[in-house]
Protein backbone atom coordinates (compact mmCIF):
# COMPACT_ATOMS: atom_id res chain seq x y z
CA UNK A 1 0.00 -0.19 0.17
CA UNK A 2 1.49 3.26 -0.90
CA UNK A 3 1.93 5.94 2.13
CA UNK A 4 -0.86 8.32 0.84
CA UNK A 5 -3.50 5.54 0.96
CA UNK A 6 -2.33 4.81 4.12
CA UNK A 7 -2.96 8.44 4.93
CA UNK A 8 -6.58 8.35 3.71
CA UNK A 9 -7.54 4.94 5.48
CA UNK A 10 -6.03 6.49 8.82
CA UNK A 11 -7.88 9.63 8.39
CA UNK A 12 -11.30 7.39 7.31
CA UNK A 13 -11.16 5.42 10.10
CA UNK A 14 -10.69 8.46 12.31
CA UNK A 15 -13.21 10.44 11.09
CA UNK A 16 -15.67 7.33 10.97
CA UNK A 17 -15.11 6.63 14.63
CA UNK A 18 -15.48 10.53 15.59
CA UNK A 19 -19.33 10.11 13.44
CA UNK A 20 -20.33 7.27 15.50
CA UNK A 21 -19.19 8.42 18.89
CA UNK A 22 -20.97 11.69 18.05
CA UNK A 23 -24.06 9.90 17.05
CA UNK A 24 -24.07 8.00 20.32
CA UNK A 25 -22.77 10.25 22.86
CA UNK A 26 -24.14 13.76 21.33
CA UNK A 27 -21.51 16.07 22.73
CA UNK A 28 -22.06 19.86 21.97
CA UNK A 29 -21.20 20.88 18.71
CA UNK A 30 -18.18 23.16 19.40
CA UNK A 31 -16.32 20.38 21.39
CA UNK A 32 -17.09 17.76 18.53
CA UNK A 33 -16.03 19.86 15.53
CA UNK A 34 -12.72 20.75 17.77
CA UNK A 35 -11.93 17.42 18.42
CA UNK A 36 -12.64 16.20 14.53
CA UNK A 37 -10.41 19.38 13.50
CA UNK A 38 -7.44 18.99 15.76
CA UNK A 39 -7.46 15.22 15.18
CA UNK A 40 -6.91 15.64 11.57
CA UNK A 41 -4.48 18.46 12.07
CA UNK A 42 -2.50 16.12 14.26
CA UNK A 43 -2.48 12.93 12.35
CA UNK A 44 -1.38 14.86 9.24
CA UNK A 45 1.02 16.65 10.86
CA UNK A 46 2.63 13.60 12.30
CA UNK A 47 2.24 11.52 9.27
CA UNK A 48 3.98 14.52 7.20
CA UNK A 49 6.58 14.81 9.48
CA UNK A 50 7.03 10.84 9.60
CA UNK A 51 6.97 10.79 6.00
CA UNK A 52 10.13 13.17 5.64
CA UNK A 53 12.09 11.14 7.88
CA UNK A 54 11.44 7.73 6.61
CA UNK A 55 12.39 9.11 3.17
CA UNK A 56 15.66 10.78 4.61
CA UNK A 57 14.53 14.16 3.49
CA UNK A 58 16.49 17.40 4.92
CA UNK A 59 14.33 18.75 8.21
CA UNK A 60 15.81 22.12 9.11
CA UNK A 61 16.08 23.72 12.43
CA UNK A 62 12.74 25.91 12.08
CA UNK A 63 10.43 23.44 12.10
CA UNK A 64 12.01 21.68 14.86
CA UNK A 65 11.69 24.52 16.85
CA UNK A 66 7.91 25.29 15.73
CA UNK A 67 7.32 21.41 16.66
CA UNK A 68 8.61 22.20 20.48
CA UNK A 69 6.70 25.24 20.60
CA UNK A 70 3.85 23.67 19.11
CA UNK A 71 4.02 21.14 21.88
CA UNK A 72 4.75 23.56 24.74
CA UNK A 73 1.41 25.27 23.75
CA UNK A 74 -0.54 22.26 22.90
CA UNK A 75 -0.27 20.47 26.12
CA UNK A 76 -1.25 22.92 28.94
CA UNK A 77 -4.05 24.06 26.44
CA UNK A 78 -5.53 20.67 26.79
CA UNK A 79 -5.13 20.92 30.27
CA UNK A 80 -7.19 24.03 30.59
CA UNK A 81 -9.80 22.65 27.87
CA UNK A 82 -10.27 19.44 30.03
CA UNK A 83 -10.88 21.42 33.14
CA UNK A 84 -13.63 24.09 32.07
CA UNK A 85 -14.75 26.56 34.59
CA UNK A 86 -18.51 26.01 33.78
CA UNK A 87 -20.99 22.86 33.21
CA UNK A 88 -23.52 23.30 30.86
CA UNK A 89 -25.49 20.15 32.29
CA UNK A 90 -27.39 22.29 34.76
CA UNK A 91 -28.93 25.28 34.64
CA UNK A 92 -27.39 28.60 34.40
CA UNK A 93 -27.24 29.24 38.21
CA UNK A 94 -26.11 25.54 38.58
CA UNK A 95 -23.48 26.58 35.98
CA UNK A 96 -21.96 29.37 38.00
CA UNK A 97 -21.28 26.96 41.04
CA UNK A 98 -18.24 26.05 38.56
CA UNK A 99 -17.13 29.16 38.00
CA UNK A 100 -13.47 29.95 39.16
CA UNK A 101 -11.48 33.00 39.92
CA UNK A 102 -9.99 34.73 37.04
CA UNK A 103 -5.90 33.74 36.57
CA UNK A 104 -4.17 36.03 34.60
CA UNK A 105 -4.77 39.58 35.56
CA UNK A 106 -7.69 38.95 37.78
CA UNK A 107 -9.42 39.04 33.88
CA UNK A 108 -8.84 35.89 32.45
CA UNK A 109 -10.11 32.44 33.29
CA UNK A 110 -9.61 28.81 32.45
CA UNK A 111 -11.23 29.19 29.37
CA UNK A 112 -9.54 32.25 28.06
CA UNK A 113 -6.50 30.44 28.71
CA UNK A 114 -7.45 27.76 26.53
CA UNK A 115 -8.12 30.04 23.52
CA UNK A 116 -4.85 32.00 23.73
CA UNK A 117 -2.66 28.91 24.06
CA UNK A 118 -4.67 26.60 21.63
CA UNK A 119 -4.37 29.52 19.13
CA UNK A 120 -0.81 29.53 19.66
CA UNK A 121 -0.34 25.48 19.45
CA UNK A 122 -2.31 25.78 16.34
CA UNK A 123 0.00 28.70 14.64
CA UNK A 124 3.02 26.62 15.57
CA UNK A 125 1.46 23.36 14.10
CA UNK A 126 0.90 25.46 11.19
CA UNK A 127 4.30 26.99 10.80
CA UNK A 128 5.70 23.71 11.35
CA UNK A 129 4.03 22.46 8.01
CA UNK A 130 4.58 25.52 6.16
CA UNK A 131 8.49 25.45 6.96
CA UNK A 132 9.17 21.51 6.87
CA UNK A 133 10.03 21.22 3.01
CA UNK A 134 12.55 24.33 3.56
CA UNK A 135 14.97 21.55 3.37
CA UNK A 136 14.22 20.57 -0.16
CA UNK A 137 15.24 24.13 -1.14
CA UNK A 138 19.21 23.14 -2.06
CA UNK A 139 18.05 19.42 -3.25
CA UNK A 140 19.31 18.89 -6.96
CA UNK A 141 16.74 15.56 -7.25
CA UNK A 142 15.04 15.78 -10.72
CA UNK A 143 11.88 14.59 -8.72
CA UNK A 144 11.57 17.79 -6.95
CA UNK A 145 12.70 19.93 -9.90
CA UNK A 146 10.02 17.89 -11.87
CA UNK A 147 7.01 18.53 -9.43
CA UNK A 148 7.96 22.40 -8.74
CA UNK A 149 8.27 22.87 -12.47
CA UNK A 150 4.31 21.30 -12.91
CA UNK A 151 3.35 23.41 -10.38
CA UNK A 152 4.65 26.49 -11.97
CA UNK A 153 3.15 25.67 -15.45
CA UNK A 154 -0.28 24.27 -14.07
């Protein structure tokens, strides 16, 4: 099987699992879509990076830095996401009992911190994907040259 077919099968399996999970558990739509988008981003990023390593392509320093920064923002962001300052299962009055003190500047709570950290994590993931092919800039391989020429004239 080709690596592209494997990627498609993995993505289809995950998305089908999300479909079934959503039909059974019926989570909130915003969390449900977030799970799907983040999982697809992570699968694609891991797949693309592993293919670069598998094929022995050069990975420059900036993508490595972006990968480390993405992990440094995603991991604490997931902590804040999994500990929300509210609960939508009850009434608004019951949800207020879950409120926590604002942590940053006495203004931003866990939900705000989650947004800041996840936005930075997503930014660094996309920067990683954007810069991952910089190692090919000095390549003289005809496959890459042909690809670049096809992209230029089509």
